[in-house]
C-alpha cells in the first residue's frame, strides 16, 4: 500500500507514525530541533484542509543511527484523529452537515 506506516513512534501527544509519503499537506520552514533521538533538521507539515500542524518531515538527521528518517514524515495520531480517536470534522462537513435539530 502507498501509505503504509513504517514504524510507530511516541511524541508529545502520544502515538505518532512514520510514513514515506503523505498527501494533502503543505510544508513549513526548516528548523533545527532537538529531539529525544538527537538533533534533526525538520519542517512542520500542515493539513491543507484546516491549516493545523499535523506532524513534521525529517529533512536531515545529525546522528548516524537516525539517517533512515531523512525524507520521511511523522503524523501525530492526536493531531489527525483527535484526543479520543474520533476524526475531526472537515470544514466541508461543518458547512454542509446536518442541522442542529438532527444532532438532538
Protein backbone atom coordinates (compact mmCIF):
# COMPACT_ATOMS: atom_id res chain seq x y z
CA UNK A 1 0.00 0.00 0.00
CA UNK A 2 1.15 3.51 -0.83
CA UNK A 3 0.61 4.97 2.63
CA UNK A 4 1.65 2.10 4.84
CA UNK A 5 3.15 3.08 8.15
CA UNK A 6 6.83 2.28 8.52
CA UNK A 7 7.12 2.44 12.27
CA UNK A 8 5.29 3.57 15.38
CA UNK A 9 6.74 6.41 17.45
CA UNK A 10 5.83 8.37 20.55
CA UNK A 11 5.67 12.16 20.64
CA UNK A 12 4.43 14.87 22.99
CA UNK A 13 0.78 13.99 22.40
CA UNK A 14 1.13 10.19 22.35
CA UNK A 15 1.47 7.90 19.34
CA UNK A 16 2.93 9.05 16.06
CA UNK A 17 3.67 7.21 12.84
CA UNK A 18 6.50 7.43 10.31
CA UNK A 19 5.49 7.46 6.62
CA UNK A 20 7.40 7.50 3.34
CA UNK A 21 4.78 9.74 1.73
CA UNK A 22 1.81 11.84 2.83
CA UNK A 23 -0.74 13.85 0.86
CA UNK A 24 -2.84 16.94 1.46
CA UNK A 25 -0.16 18.74 3.45
CA UNK A 26 1.98 21.83 2.98
CA UNK A 27 5.47 22.33 4.38
CA UNK A 28 6.67 24.95 6.83
CA UNK A 29 10.13 26.46 7.29
CA UNK A 30 13.25 24.38 8.03
CA UNK A 31 14.49 24.47 11.60
CA UNK A 32 16.89 22.61 13.85
CA UNK A 33 15.03 20.68 16.55
CA UNK A 34 16.48 18.72 19.45
CA UNK A 35 14.50 15.52 19.96
CA UNK A 36 14.92 12.52 22.20
CA UNK A 37 16.89 10.80 19.41
CA UNK A 38 19.17 13.79 18.80
CA UNK A 39 19.35 16.89 16.64
CA UNK A 40 17.30 16.89 13.43
CA UNK A 41 16.53 19.40 10.69
CA UNK A 42 12.75 19.32 10.27
CA UNK A 43 9.84 21.17 8.71
CA UNK A 44 6.37 21.16 10.22
CA UNK A 45 3.61 19.79 7.98
CA UNK A 46 0.20 21.43 7.83
CA UNK A 47 -3.16 19.99 6.77
CA UNK A 48 -4.33 21.70 3.57
CA UNK A 49 -7.95 21.49 4.77
CA UNK A 50 -7.71 23.10 8.20
CA UNK A 51 -4.14 24.54 8.15
CA UNK A 52 -3.24 22.97 11.50
CA UNK A 53 0.10 21.28 12.17
CA UNK A 54 -0.32 17.51 11.90
CA UNK A 55 3.33 16.47 12.20
CA UNK A 56 6.72 17.11 10.63
CA UNK A 57 9.10 15.99 7.90
CA UNK A 58 12.68 14.97 8.65
CA UNK A 59 14.95 16.90 6.30
CA UNK A 60 18.20 15.76 7.95
CA UNK A 61 19.28 13.64 10.89
CA UNK A 62 22.56 14.56 12.55
CA UNK A 63 23.01 11.21 14.32
CA UNK A 64 24.22 8.36 12.09
CA UNK A 65 21.71 5.92 13.58
CA UNK A 66 18.81 8.25 12.69
CA UNK A 67 19.61 8.71 8.98
CA UNK A 68 16.77 6.31 8.00
CA UNK A 69 14.29 9.08 8.95
CA UNK A 70 15.55 11.55 6.35
CA UNK A 71 12.87 12.48 3.82
CA UNK A 72 10.16 10.76 5.86
CA UNK A 73 7.11 12.19 7.59
CA UNK A 74 5.76 11.91 11.12
CA UNK A 75 2.00 12.19 11.62
CA UNK A 76 0.83 12.62 15.20
CA UNK A 77 -2.24 10.46 15.90
CA UNK A 78 -3.67 13.05 18.30
CA UNK A 79 -3.49 15.79 15.68
CA UNK A 80 -5.02 13.67 12.91
CA UNK A 81 -7.69 11.76 14.83
CA UNK A 82 -8.30 13.90 17.92
CA UNK A 83 -7.74 13.15 21.60
CA UNK A 84 -10.41 10.44 21.77
CA UNK A 85 -9.53 8.76 18.46
CA UNK A 86 -12.56 10.07 16.59
CA UNK A 87 -12.00 12.00 13.40
CA UNK A 88 -12.30 15.76 13.46
CA UNK A 89 -14.99 17.01 11.10
CA UNK A 90 -13.71 18.57 7.92
CA UNK A 91 -14.56 22.17 7.03
CA UNK A 92 -16.96 20.81 4.36
CA UNK A 93 -18.85 18.77 6.94
CA UNK A 94 -19.22 21.83 9.13
CA UNK A 95 -20.75 23.79 6.24
CA UNK A 96 -22.84 21.06 4.64
CA UNK A 97 -23.53 18.89 7.68
CA UNK A 98 -26.83 18.17 9.35
CA UNK A 99 -28.87 20.80 11.12
CA UNK A 100 -28.73 21.34 14.88
CA UNK A 101 -32.09 19.60 15.24
CA UNK A 102 -30.63 16.41 13.73
CA UNK A 103 -27.98 16.29 16.47
CA UNK A 104 -30.54 16.24 19.32
